[in-house]
Amino acid sequence: MPHVITQSCCSDGSCVYACPVNCIHPTPDEPGFATAEMLYIDPAACVDCGACVSACPVGAIAPDTKLEPKQLPFVELNAAYYPKREGKVPPTSKLAPVLEAPVVYPRGDGPLTVAIIGSGPAAMYAADELLTQKGVRVNVFEKLPTPYGLVRAGVAPDHQSTKQVTRLFDRIAGRREFRFFLNVEVGRHVSHAELLAHHHAVLYAVGAPNDRRLDIDGMGLPGTGTATELVAWINGHPEYTDLPVDLSHERVVIVGNGNVALDVARILTADPDALARTDISDHALAALRESRVQEVVIAARRGPAQSAFTLPELIGLTSTCDVVLDAADHELVVRDLSVTEDPLTRNKLEILTKLGDASAPIMRPRIRLAYRLTPRRVLGERRASGIEFVVTGTDEVRRIDAGLVLTSIGYRGKPIADLPFDESAAVVPNDGGRVIDADGRPVPGSYVAGWIKRGPTGFIGTNKSCAAETVRNLVADYNAGLLAAPNARASALEKLIRSRQPDVVDASGWKAIDAAEISRGGDDRPRDKFTTVADMLAAASTAPAPSMRERLLAGLRR
């Protein structure tokens, strides 16, 4: 009974190190790890011990006999990653090589103290890596009153298993040496220089918060936007609560066919009663109940073989939604399949060959994949009424009527005050996470991890190895005496922050928000989110005052 990795795989890699026979690949030290769409268990080598199940932070692994029907394609997908052995069982081996946590050598100026900016996966994995060492102190700063970044606001609400990684993050945040400064914006309430005065190092894990914009006429009209904005609206991000989303037309067009586009299309065509059992925001659920959308068209510039979505997401989509192609795109799929040798691409194309015909009557809301369409302009005068494409490589023009036109062509990092920025790559220039200036010299005490370090690539768990690399270099610099000691008393940090932002939310405030949301969800939903900062702060204010013992311990930590 081999175990199987399924759609919600986050590429964390914890399962790799838990496996006693090294049958999960690619491992973080293998070349294909950074670009792999998921990890895979070798069914011939798996010894059915279940160690990987408890190590996985998102519940993506199960015995093959306990899979749901929609997960069954992952049995073959895992096996297909490994070569055919003609019945021979591969030899087992020892545990996969584990990189040791960086050892911090104590100095006389107090414990290593690091400020981490951002609280998403890269930030939390960096904190986890730092706190493997005794005596290290980590302060995490986040501009929202709630932590965990895209896990909270960017993962589709019907992917609750993926959101389980927050349980790991909660355990990290619960350590004595960890402190939250939520609802605090670096660059507004406190500067980079001020943080360096209170820490040995400042590590930015702020992601890539901006959308890449499509520069065509009509973008910006009412009825246009981005898929990432819509996901934030669906998830109740307070900055997008009032996003104008008009679902009164029968069709939506999304330009770009990555996983985010699939997420949006799936939510817009889903049964609202099913979504009502998730943590979707109330305003989004109400709008979806009134929606008239019957078709979401996902349009791509290139052909089927170049589809940007991952195979696991395609399997998940086609097992839960009506997905169709028109006749011309079916022909493109068959043509690409006849000339494609890459196994992963062939798997995608084989699934696409089985999709329904777009000419069939629409019986329920559906998704249509469309290929070789280069956007030319958004149609409409006062608001979007459709979009005009050119068939890629030709002069043929096609128009698709739509009441909502969204783009989903990627993320982009934005400059950070007081740090260099590469406008072309939209990242902070760095060498293994060490921020470097125009001459390639390290910027003292400044580090990056996650998308602002490497660009918007990989998955939630990919940030683990990325953050670990940065932390190893940070600790090496500390041990080499390259990080200046803080020149302000540790106790002065909280006074400074509260003087600038009286509404700072600490760990107890976040726990109060978390508990209130879960309570509001009742028995039917994992949580009912607050969608305004005011409501979050009101919930945070109900947190009990710290006891005398807790205040004494806090004083010792400082």
Protein backbone atom coordinates (compact mmCIF):
# COMPACT_ATOMS: atom_id res chain seq x y z
CA MET A 1 0.00 0.00 0.00
CA PRO A 2 2.25 2.87 -1.19
CA HIS A 3 1.55 6.41 -0.14
CA VAL A 4 0.69 9.05 -2.72
CA ILE A 5 1.32 12.80 -2.89
CA THR A 6 -1.74 14.67 -4.16
CA GLN A 7 -2.78 18.06 -5.53
CA SER A 8 -2.26 20.12 -2.38
CA CYS A 9 1.51 19.40 -2.33
CA CYS A 10 3.29 22.62 -1.34
CA SER A 11 6.87 21.41 -2.03
CA ASP A 12 7.86 22.08 1.59
CA GLY A 13 10.25 19.13 1.50
CA SER A 14 9.64 18.03 5.10
CA CYS A 15 8.37 14.69 3.81
CA VAL A 16 11.69 14.12 2.05
CA TYR A 17 13.64 14.23 5.30
CA ALA A 18 11.06 12.16 7.20
CA CYS A 19 11.17 9.28 4.69
CA PRO A 20 13.48 6.50 6.00
CA VAL A 21 14.12 5.05 2.52
CA ASN A 22 14.63 8.24 0.52
CA CYS A 23 11.76 7.48 -1.88
CA ILE A 24 10.43 11.04 -2.27
CA HIS A 25 11.90 13.20 -5.02
CA PRO A 26 13.06 15.64 -6.17
CA THR A 27 14.81 16.46 -2.91
CA PRO A 28 15.81 20.04 -2.03
CA ASP A 29 19.42 19.27 -2.97
CA GLU A 30 18.49 17.96 -6.44
CA PRO A 31 18.56 20.26 -9.49
CA GLY A 32 14.88 19.85 -10.36
CA PHE A 33 13.51 20.78 -6.94
CA ALA A 34 13.12 24.51 -7.51
CA THR A 35 11.08 24.06 -10.69
CA ALA A 36 9.16 20.86 -9.86
CA GLU A 37 5.38 21.23 -9.90
CA MET A 38 5.12 18.87 -6.93
CA LEU A 39 7.02 16.07 -5.18
CA TYR A 40 6.53 12.38 -5.97
CA ILE A 41 6.64 9.13 -3.98
CA ASP A 42 8.24 6.10 -5.63
CA PRO A 43 5.56 3.37 -5.21
CA ALA A 44 8.09 0.58 -5.60
CA ALA A 45 10.36 1.89 -2.86
CA CYS A 46 7.72 3.13 -0.39
CA VAL A 47 7.66 0.94 2.75
CA ASP A 48 4.28 2.24 3.97
CA CYS A 49 5.63 3.64 7.24
CA GLY A 50 3.53 6.82 7.11
CA ALA A 51 6.34 9.08 8.33
CA CYS A 52 5.71 11.42 5.42
CA VAL A 53 2.04 11.83 6.36
CA SER A 54 2.78 13.39 9.73
CA ALA A 55 5.60 15.51 8.28
CA CYS A 56 3.46 17.10 5.55
CA PRO A 57 2.13 20.50 6.68
CA VAL A 58 -0.78 20.56 4.21
CA GLY A 59 -2.19 17.04 4.41
CA ALA A 60 -1.21 16.20 0.83
CA ILE A 61 -0.14 12.57 1.43
CA ALA A 62 -2.35 9.52 1.90
CA PRO A 63 -2.22 5.74 1.34
CA ASP A 64 -3.39 4.81 -2.15
CA THR A 65 -6.37 2.94 -0.69
CA LYS A 66 -7.70 6.03 1.06
CA LEU A 67 -7.74 8.44 -1.87
CA GLU A 68 -10.92 10.16 -2.98
CA PRO A 69 -12.02 9.38 -6.55
CA LYS A 70 -10.80 12.76 -7.82
CA GLN A 71 -7.34 12.01 -6.34
CA LEU A 72 -6.86 8.67 -8.13
CA PRO A 73 -4.97 10.22 -11.10
CA PHE A 74 -2.17 11.06 -8.67
CA VAL A 75 -1.37 7.34 -8.22
CA GLU A 76 -0.13 7.14 -11.79
CA LEU A 77 1.33 10.65 -11.66
CA ASN A 78 3.59 9.72 -8.73
CA ALA A 79 4.65 6.45 -10.36
CA ALA A 80 5.30 8.09 -13.73
CA TYR A 81 8.06 10.24 -12.26
CA TYR A 82 10.23 7.15 -11.72
CA PRO A 83 11.80 4.93 -14.41
CA LYS A 84 10.34 1.55 -15.31
CA ARG A 85 12.29 -1.20 -13.52
CA GLU A 86 10.80 -4.37 -15.06
CA GLY A 87 9.53 -5.63 -11.73
CA LYS A 88 12.73 -5.03 -9.81
CA VAL A 89 12.37 -3.24 -6.50
CA PRO A 90 14.86 -0.37 -6.12
CA PRO A 91 17.30 -0.65 -3.23
CA THR A 92 16.37 1.43 -0.21
CA SER A 93 18.80 3.92 1.19
CA LYS A 94 19.37 5.97 4.26
CA LEU A 95 17.59 9.23 4.97
CA ALA A 96 17.99 11.99 2.43
CA PRO A 97 20.90 14.27 3.31
CA VAL A 98 19.73 17.03 5.63
CA LEU A 99 21.52 20.35 5.76
CA GLU A 100 22.34 21.08 9.35
CA ALA A 101 20.86 24.24 10.83
CA PRO A 102 23.45 27.04 11.00
CA VAL A 103 25.17 27.14 14.38
CA VAL A 104 25.11 30.56 16.06
CA TYR A 105 28.21 31.32 18.09
CA PRO A 106 27.25 33.54 21.05
CA ARG A 107 28.75 37.02 21.28
CA GLY A 108 29.11 39.33 24.21
CA ASP A 109 26.67 41.93 22.86
CA GLY A 110 23.58 39.83 23.56
CA PRO A 111 21.65 37.29 21.50
CA LEU A 112 21.39 37.39 17.72
CA THR A 113 18.28 39.50 17.07
CA VAL A 114 16.65 39.62 13.64
CA ALA A 115 13.76 41.68 12.31
CA ILE A 116 11.74 39.92 9.61
CA ILE A 117 9.52 42.09 7.43
CA GLY A 118 6.45 40.25 6.21
CA SER A 119 4.70 37.26 7.75
CA GLY A 120 4.02 34.97 4.80
CA PRO A 121 5.63 31.57 4.15
CA ALA A 122 9.15 32.88 3.43
CA ALA A 123 9.08 34.95 6.63
CA MET A 124 7.79 32.14 8.81
CA TYR A 125 10.21 29.58 7.38
CA ALA A 126 13.06 32.03 7.99
CA ALA A 127 11.93 32.50 11.59
CA ASP A 128 11.72 28.73 12.02
CA GLU A 129 15.26 28.26 10.72
CA LEU A 130 16.63 31.00 12.98
CA LEU A 131 14.88 29.66 16.06
CA THR A 132 16.48 26.24 15.76
CA GLN A 133 19.32 27.89 17.68
CA LYS A 134 19.07 28.79 21.35
CA GLY A 135 19.26 32.42 22.28
CA VAL A 136 18.14 33.84 18.92
CA ARG A 137 15.37 36.46 18.98
CA VAL A 138 13.03 37.12 16.06
CA ASN A 139 10.64 40.04 15.66
CA VAL A 140 8.18 39.80 12.75
CA PHE A 141 6.62 42.97 11.33
CA GLU A 142 3.47 42.87 9.19
CA LYS A 143 1.42 45.81 7.89
CA LEU A 144 -1.92 44.00 8.35
CA PRO A 145 -3.38 43.05 11.75
CA THR A 146 -3.38 39.41 10.59
CA PRO A 147 -0.35 37.32 9.57
CA TYR A 148 0.58 34.69 6.97
CA GLY A 149 0.36 36.71 3.75
CA LEU A 150 -0.78 34.87 0.64
CA VAL A 151 -1.72 31.76 2.61
CA ARG A 152 -4.54 33.79 4.15
CA ALA A 153 -5.33 36.13 1.26
CA GLY A 154 -4.04 34.40 -1.88
CA VAL A 155 -4.99 30.72 -1.61
CA ALA A 156 -8.42 29.96 -3.05
CA PRO A 157 -11.00 29.27 -0.32
CA ASP A 158 -11.84 25.84 -1.72
CA HIS A 159 -8.21 24.79 -1.16
CA GLN A 160 -8.52 24.48 2.61
CA SER A 161 -5.93 21.69 2.78
CA THR A 162 -3.28 24.07 1.44
CA LYS A 163 -4.15 26.55 4.18
CA GLN A 164 -3.33 23.92 6.81
CA VAL A 165 0.27 25.12 6.65
CA THR A 166 -0.82 27.91 9.02
CA ARG A 167 -0.87 25.30 11.80
CA LEU A 168 2.89 25.01 11.38
CA PHE A 169 3.20 28.81 11.33
CA ASP A 170 1.16 29.07 14.54
CA ARG A 171 3.59 26.69 16.26
CA ILE A 172 6.52 28.81 15.11
CA ALA A 173 4.83 32.00 16.31
CA GLY A 174 4.16 30.39 19.68
CA ARG A 175 7.84 30.13 20.61
CA ARG A 176 9.09 32.29 23.44
CA GLU A 177 11.76 33.91 21.30
CA PHE A 178 9.28 35.02 18.63
CA ARG A 179 7.32 38.30 18.68
CA PHE A 180 4.67 39.69 16.36
CA PHE A 181 4.38 43.39 15.54
CA LEU A 182 1.24 43.29 13.40
CA ASN A 183 -0.50 46.33 11.91
CA VAL A 184 2.92 47.96 11.64
CA GLU A 185 4.16 49.13 8.25
CA VAL A 186 7.91 49.35 7.77
CA GLY A 187 8.70 52.54 5.88
CA ARG A 188 5.76 54.31 7.47
CA HIS A 189 5.75 53.56 11.19
CA VAL A 190 9.42 52.58 11.44
CA SER A 191 12.36 52.91 9.06
CA HIS A 192 14.98 50.43 7.91
CA ALA A 193 17.67 52.36 9.79
CA GLU A 194 15.62 52.32 13.00
CA LEU A 195 15.15 48.58 12.73
CA LEU A 196 18.89 48.11 12.29
CA ALA A 197 19.41 50.15 15.46
CA HIS A 198 17.44 47.51 17.36
CA HIS A 199 18.56 44.35 15.51
CA HIS A 200 21.68 42.73 14.16
CA ALA A 201 19.96 42.17 10.82
CA VAL A 202 16.78 42.97 8.92
CA LEU A 203 15.39 40.29 6.61
CA TYR A 204 12.74 41.29 4.06
CA ALA A 205 10.27 38.59 3.03
CA VAL A 206 7.65 40.88 1.52
CA GLY A 207 6.82 38.87 -1.59
CA ALA A 208 5.90 40.38 -4.94
CA PRO A 209 2.76 42.35 -4.10
CA ASN A 210 2.12 44.04 -7.45
CA ASP A 211 0.46 42.57 -10.52
CA ARG A 212 2.17 42.63 -13.89
CA ARG A 213 -0.03 44.90 -15.97
CA LEU A 214 -1.29 44.32 -19.47
CA ASP A 215 -0.59 47.43 -21.54
CA ILE A 216 -3.45 47.52 -24.05
CA ASP A 217 -6.17 50.06 -24.75
CA GLY A 218 -9.16 49.80 -22.45
CA MET A 219 -7.44 48.28 -19.45
CA GLY A 220 -8.52 50.46 -16.57
CA LEU A 221 -12.13 50.73 -17.69
CA PRO A 222 -14.77 49.68 -15.15
CA GLY A 223 -15.15 45.95 -15.57
CA THR A 224 -11.40 45.32 -15.91
CA GLY A 225 -8.96 44.20 -13.24
CA THR A 226 -6.57 41.45 -12.27
CA ALA A 227 -7.14 37.91 -11.12
CA THR A 228 -4.96 38.43 -8.05
CA GLU A 229 -7.12 41.37 -6.97
CA LEU A 230 -10.19 39.18 -7.35
CA VAL A 231 -8.61 36.41 -5.25
CA ALA A 232 -7.87 38.98 -2.53
CA TRP A 233 -11.51 40.18 -2.73
CA ILE A 234 -12.75 36.61 -2.50
CA ASN A 235 -10.53 35.98 0.52
CA GLY A 236 -11.59 39.13 2.37
CA HIS A 237 -8.32 41.08 2.23
CA PRO A 238 -9.21 44.43 3.85
CA GLU A 239 -7.60 46.47 1.05
CA TYR A 240 -9.87 44.81 -1.54
CA THR A 241 -13.18 44.56 0.31
CA ASP A 242 -14.72 47.34 -1.78
CA LEU A 243 -13.39 46.10 -5.12
CA PRO A 244 -16.15 46.64 -7.72
CA VAL A 245 -16.89 43.16 -9.07
CA ASP A 246 -19.73 42.97 -11.60
CA LEU A 247 -20.95 39.42 -12.27
CA SER A 248 -24.11 40.44 -14.13
CA HIS A 249 -22.86 39.33 -17.56
CA GLU A 250 -22.88 35.72 -18.68
CA ARG A 251 -19.16 35.66 -19.51
CA VAL A 252 -15.83 36.53 -17.87
CA VAL A 253 -12.51 36.52 -19.75
CA ILE A 254 -9.19 35.93 -18.01
CA VAL A 255 -6.01 36.68 -19.96
CA GLY A 256 -3.26 34.29 -18.86
CA ASN A 257 -3.56 30.63 -17.88
CA GLY A 258 -1.47 30.08 -14.77
CA ASN A 259 -2.75 28.54 -11.54
CA VAL A 260 -4.26 31.83 -10.32
CA ALA A 261 -6.37 32.06 -13.47
CA LEU A 262 -7.60 28.52 -12.84
CA ASP A 263 -8.40 29.41 -9.21
CA VAL A 264 -10.50 32.40 -10.23
CA ALA A 265 -12.32 30.51 -12.98
CA ARG A 266 -13.08 27.65 -10.63
CA ILE A 267 -14.50 29.93 -7.93
CA LEU A 268 -16.59 31.92 -10.42
CA THR A 269 -18.20 28.73 -11.74
CA ALA A 270 -18.50 26.86 -8.42
CA ASP A 271 -21.68 26.07 -6.54
CA PRO A 272 -22.10 28.85 -3.95
CA ASP A 273 -23.52 26.33 -1.47
CA ALA A 274 -20.23 24.43 -1.61
CA LEU A 275 -18.23 27.65 -1.19
CA ALA A 276 -20.39 28.53 1.83
CA ARG A 277 -18.57 25.76 3.71
CA THR A 278 -15.18 27.45 3.19
CA ASP A 279 -13.61 30.64 4.56
CA ILE A 280 -14.72 32.71 1.57
CA SER A 281 -15.63 36.30 2.50
CA ASP A 282 -19.31 37.03 3.04
CA HIS A 283 -19.37 39.80 0.44
CA ALA A 284 -17.89 37.51 -2.23
CA LEU A 285 -20.29 34.71 -1.40
CA ALA A 286 -23.26 37.08 -1.63
CA ALA A 287 -22.08 38.31 -5.05
CA LEU A 288 -21.57 34.76 -6.32
CA ARG A 289 -25.08 33.80 -5.25
CA GLU A 290 -26.39 36.58 -7.50
CA SER A 291 -23.93 35.87 -10.32
CA ARG A 292 -25.14 35.41 -13.90
CA VAL A 293 -21.80 34.08 -15.14
CA GLN A 294 -22.20 30.98 -17.28
CA GLU A 295 -18.75 30.79 -18.84
CA VAL A 296 -15.24 31.82 -17.90
CA VAL A 297 -12.83 31.93 -20.84
CA ILE A 298 -9.15 31.46 -19.96
CA ALA A 299 -7.19 32.87 -22.91
CA ALA A 300 -3.49 32.28 -23.56
CA ARG A 301 -1.14 33.81 -26.12
CA ARG A 302 0.64 30.55 -26.86
CA GLY A 303 -0.42 26.99 -27.59
CA PRO A 304 -1.54 24.13 -25.32
CA ALA A 305 1.99 22.74 -24.90
CA GLN A 306 3.04 26.04 -23.30
CA SER A 307 0.19 26.13 -20.78
CA ALA A 308 1.37 27.85 -17.59
CA PHE A 309 -0.86 25.98 -15.16
CA THR A 310 0.61 23.00 -13.34
CA LEU A 311 -0.46 19.42 -13.93
CA PRO A 312 -1.80 18.94 -10.37
CA GLU A 313 -4.01 22.01 -10.73
CA LEU A 314 -5.28 20.83 -14.12
CA ILE A 315 -6.17 17.45 -12.65
CA GLY A 316 -7.97 19.16 -9.79
CA LEU A 317 -9.82 21.49 -12.15
CA THR A 318 -11.04 18.84 -14.57
CA SER A 319 -12.19 16.57 -11.73
CA THR A 320 -14.48 19.22 -10.25
CA CYS A 321 -15.53 21.55 -13.09
CA ASP A 322 -16.94 21.44 -16.61
CA VAL A 323 -13.95 22.38 -18.79
CA VAL A 324 -14.24 22.61 -22.57
CA LEU A 325 -12.32 23.50 -25.72
CA ASP A 326 -13.58 24.63 -29.09
CA ALA A 327 -12.84 22.48 -32.16
CA ALA A 328 -9.85 24.53 -33.33
CA ASP A 329 -8.18 24.30 -29.92
CA HIS A 330 -8.83 20.56 -29.78
CA GLU A 331 -6.86 20.33 -33.03
CA LEU A 332 -4.02 22.36 -31.49
CA VAL A 333 -3.89 19.98 -28.52
CA VAL A 334 -3.71 16.92 -30.78
CA ARG A 335 -1.03 18.55 -32.92
CA ASP A 336 1.09 19.48 -29.89
CA LEU A 337 0.70 16.00 -28.42
CA SER A 338 2.03 14.44 -31.63
CA VAL A 339 5.32 16.35 -31.42
CA THR A 340 5.88 16.75 -27.67
CA GLU A 341 8.37 14.48 -25.92
CA ASP A 342 8.48 16.00 -22.44
CA PRO A 343 6.54 13.59 -20.14
CA LEU A 344 5.03 16.31 -17.96
CA THR A 345 3.76 18.28 -20.95
CA ARG A 346 2.41 15.10 -22.54
CA ASN A 347 0.45 14.38 -19.38
CA LYS A 348 -1.16 17.82 -19.55
CA LEU A 349 -1.98 17.44 -23.23
CA GLU A 350 -3.49 13.99 -22.74
CA ILE A 351 -5.89 15.46 -20.18
CA LEU A 352 -6.74 18.31 -22.54
CA THR A 353 -7.61 15.85 -25.33
CA LYS A 354 -10.41 14.51 -23.13
CA LEU A 355 -12.11 17.86 -22.52
CA GLY A 356 -15.64 18.48 -23.73
CA ASP A 357 -16.69 20.38 -26.84
CA ALA A 358 -17.40 24.08 -26.41
CA SER A 359 -20.18 23.89 -29.00
CA ALA A 360 -22.31 21.78 -26.64
CA PRO A 361 -25.14 23.58 -24.81
CA ILE A 362 -24.16 25.14 -21.49
CA MET A 363 -25.94 23.14 -18.79
CA ARG A 364 -24.15 24.72 -15.82
CA PRO A 365 -21.40 27.34 -15.43
CA ARG A 366 -18.29 26.14 -17.25
CA ILE A 367 -14.68 27.01 -18.07
CA ARG A 368 -13.38 27.29 -21.63
CA LEU A 369 -9.65 27.13 -22.33
CA ALA A 370 -8.64 29.14 -25.39
CA TYR A 371 -5.23 29.24 -27.08
CA ARG A 372 -3.15 31.39 -29.42
CA LEU A 373 -5.04 34.58 -28.58
CA THR A 374 -2.96 37.75 -28.19
CA PRO A 375 -4.96 40.54 -26.49
CA ARG A 376 -5.29 43.68 -28.61
CA ARG A 377 -7.76 45.95 -26.80
CA VAL A 378 -10.61 45.91 -24.31
CA LEU A 379 -13.92 46.79 -25.93
CA GLY A 380 -16.38 49.28 -24.52
CA GLU A 381 -16.67 53.01 -23.94
CA ARG A 382 -17.84 53.57 -20.37
CA ARG A 383 -17.16 50.04 -19.15
CA ALA A 384 -15.76 46.80 -20.54
CA SER A 385 -18.06 44.93 -22.89
CA GLY A 386 -15.56 42.42 -24.21
CA ILE A 387 -12.03 42.00 -25.49
CA GLU A 388 -10.48 41.86 -28.95
CA PHE A 389 -7.71 39.39 -29.73
CA VAL A 390 -5.43 38.72 -32.65
CA VAL A 391 -4.83 35.06 -33.37
CA THR A 392 -1.16 34.76 -32.48
CA GLY A 393 1.07 34.87 -35.53
CA THR A 394 -1.70 35.97 -37.90
CA ASP A 395 -3.81 39.01 -38.74
CA GLU A 396 -7.06 37.28 -37.82
CA VAL A 397 -9.12 39.22 -35.26
CA ARG A 398 -11.44 37.59 -32.75
CA ARG A 399 -13.77 39.26 -30.29
CA ILE A 400 -15.24 37.78 -27.13
CA ASP A 401 -18.11 39.50 -25.35
CA ALA A 402 -17.64 39.75 -21.58
CA GLY A 403 -18.77 41.88 -18.68
CA LEU A 404 -15.55 41.34 -16.74
CA VAL A 405 -12.02 41.19 -18.18
CA LEU A 406 -9.23 40.09 -15.86
CA THR A 407 -5.52 39.67 -16.43
CA SER A 408 -3.43 36.99 -14.78
CA ILE A 409 0.05 37.42 -16.18
CA GLY A 410 2.13 37.25 -13.02
CA TYR A 411 3.34 39.13 -9.99
CA ARG A 412 5.97 41.83 -9.64
CA GLY A 413 8.03 42.95 -6.66
CA LYS A 414 8.15 46.61 -5.69
CA PRO A 415 11.03 48.75 -4.38
CA ILE A 416 11.81 48.78 -0.67
CA ALA A 417 12.83 52.05 0.93
CA ASP A 418 16.59 52.33 1.57
CA LEU A 419 17.45 49.17 -0.39
CA PRO A 420 18.66 48.79 -4.00
CA PHE A 421 16.14 47.45 -6.51
CA ASP A 422 16.46 45.75 -9.89
CA GLU A 423 13.64 47.25 -11.99
CA SER A 424 14.09 44.72 -14.77
CA ALA A 425 13.83 41.61 -12.62
CA ALA A 426 11.64 43.36 -9.99
CA VAL A 427 13.69 41.92 -7.12
CA VAL A 428 16.13 43.25 -4.56
CA PRO A 429 19.63 42.43 -5.88
CA ASN A 430 21.15 39.75 -3.70
CA ASP A 431 23.73 37.02 -3.45
CA GLY A 432 22.19 34.03 -1.70
CA GLY A 433 19.89 36.35 0.21
CA ARG A 434 22.54 38.93 1.10
CA VAL A 435 21.41 42.28 -0.33
CA ILE A 436 24.10 43.72 -2.60
CA ASP A 437 24.63 47.21 -3.99
CA ALA A 438 25.35 48.29 -7.57
CA ASP A 439 29.01 47.27 -7.14
CA GLY A 440 28.10 43.81 -5.87
CA ARG A 441 29.06 44.58 -2.29
CA PRO A 442 26.86 43.35 0.59
CA VAL A 443 24.62 45.98 2.20
CA PRO A 444 25.42 45.53 5.92
CA GLY A 445 22.69 43.84 7.94
CA SER A 446 20.22 43.54 5.03
CA TYR A 447 18.79 40.27 3.70
CA VAL A 448 15.92 39.00 1.55
CA ALA A 449 13.99 35.75 1.18
CA GLY A 450 11.06 34.55 -0.91
CA TRP A 451 9.73 36.22 -4.03
CA ILE A 452 11.44 39.57 -3.40
CA LYS A 453 14.69 37.56 -3.46
CA ARG A 454 14.17 35.16 -6.38
CA GLY A 455 11.08 36.44 -8.23
CA PRO A 456 7.56 34.98 -8.20
CA THR A 457 8.42 31.32 -8.74
CA GLY A 458 7.68 28.11 -6.89
CA PHE A 459 5.06 27.22 -4.35
CA ILE A 460 4.42 27.80 -0.64
CA GLY A 461 6.94 25.22 0.50
CA THR A 462 9.60 26.29 -1.99
CA ASN A 463 10.18 29.20 0.36
CA LYS A 464 11.54 26.83 2.99
CA SER A 465 14.79 26.05 1.18
CA CYS A 466 14.96 29.64 -0.08
CA ALA A 467 14.70 31.03 3.46
CA ALA A 468 17.15 28.44 4.79
CA GLU A 469 19.81 29.63 2.32
CA THR A 470 19.35 33.23 3.43
CA VAL A 471 19.49 32.32 7.11
CA ARG A 472 22.66 30.29 6.64
CA ASN A 473 24.35 33.31 5.09
CA LEU A 474 22.99 35.67 7.73
CA VAL A 475 24.30 33.47 10.54
CA ALA A 476 27.66 33.10 8.79
CA ASP A 477 27.94 36.90 8.66
CA TYR A 478 27.00 37.16 12.33
CA ASN A 479 29.58 34.55 13.33
CA ALA A 480 32.21 36.36 11.25
CA GLY A 481 31.54 39.61 13.15
CA LEU A 482 30.11 41.37 10.09
CA LEU A 483 26.81 42.36 11.74
CA ALA A 484 26.94 45.36 14.04
CA ALA A 485 25.39 45.01 17.46
CA PRO A 486 22.14 46.92 18.10
CA ASN A 487 22.87 50.35 19.56
CA ALA A 488 19.50 50.71 21.30
CA ARG A 489 18.18 48.90 24.34
CA ALA A 490 15.97 45.95 23.49
CA SER A 491 13.15 47.28 25.63
CA ALA A 492 13.11 50.51 23.60
CA LEU A 493 11.78 48.78 20.49
CA GLU A 494 8.24 48.29 21.75
CA LYS A 495 8.14 51.85 23.10
CA LEU A 496 9.21 53.17 19.70
CA ILE A 497 6.62 51.11 17.83
CA ARG A 498 3.76 51.99 20.17
CA SER A 499 4.63 55.67 19.99
CA ARG A 500 4.29 55.52 16.20
CA GLN A 501 1.46 52.98 15.97
CA PRO A 502 -0.68 52.70 19.12
CA ASP A 503 -2.82 50.07 17.36
CA VAL A 504 0.01 47.55 17.08
CA VAL A 505 -1.29 43.97 17.37
CA ASP A 506 0.81 41.40 19.21
CA ALA A 507 0.56 37.61 19.33
CA SER A 508 -2.25 37.67 21.89
CA GLY A 509 -4.19 40.12 19.71
CA TRP A 510 -3.81 37.82 16.71
CA LYS A 511 -4.97 34.86 18.79
CA ALA A 512 -8.07 36.85 19.76
CA ILE A 513 -8.78 37.66 16.09
CA ASP A 514 -8.21 34.04 15.12
CA ALA A 515 -10.48 32.70 17.86
CA ALA A 516 -13.23 35.19 17.01
CA GLU A 517 -13.16 34.28 13.31
CA ILE A 518 -13.31 30.57 14.06
CA SER A 519 -16.20 31.14 16.45
CA ARG A 520 -18.05 33.19 13.82
CA GLY A 521 -17.65 30.32 11.38
CA GLY A 522 -19.69 28.01 13.58
CA ASP A 523 -19.99 24.33 12.79
CA ASP A 524 -20.20 24.73 9.00
CA ARG A 525 -17.18 26.88 8.16
CA PRO A 526 -13.49 26.84 9.18
CA ARG A 527 -13.79 30.56 9.92
CA ASP A 528 -15.74 33.71 9.04
CA LYS A 529 -13.09 36.34 8.39
CA PHE A 530 -13.11 39.94 9.45
CA THR A 531 -12.67 42.02 6.31
CA THR A 532 -11.94 45.46 7.76
CA VAL A 533 -9.01 46.60 9.85
CA ALA A 534 -11.42 48.25 12.32
CA ASP A 535 -13.17 44.94 13.00
CA MET A 536 -9.83 43.14 13.32
CA LEU A 537 -8.59 45.68 15.84
CA ALA A 538 -11.85 45.45 17.80
CA ALA A 539 -11.41 41.68 18.06
CA ALA A 540 -7.73 42.06 18.99
CA SER A 541 -8.68 44.40 21.85
CA THR A 542 -10.54 41.55 23.56
CA ALA A 543 -7.27 39.69 24.19
CA PRO A 544 -6.68 39.19 27.92
CA ALA A 545 -4.00 41.33 29.55
CA PRO A 546 -0.75 39.44 30.15
CA SER A 547 -0.26 38.00 33.61
CA MET A 548 2.55 39.13 35.89
CA ARG A 549 4.49 35.97 34.99
CA GLU A 550 4.06 36.64 31.27
CA ARG A 551 5.23 40.23 31.71
CA LEU A 552 8.31 39.06 33.61
CA LEU A 553 9.11 36.49 30.91
CA ALA A 554 8.64 39.12 28.23
CA GLY A 555 11.05 41.37 30.06
CA LEU A 556 13.62 38.60 30.21
CA ARG A 557 13.24 37.96 26.49
CA ARG A 558 13.96 41.59 25.74
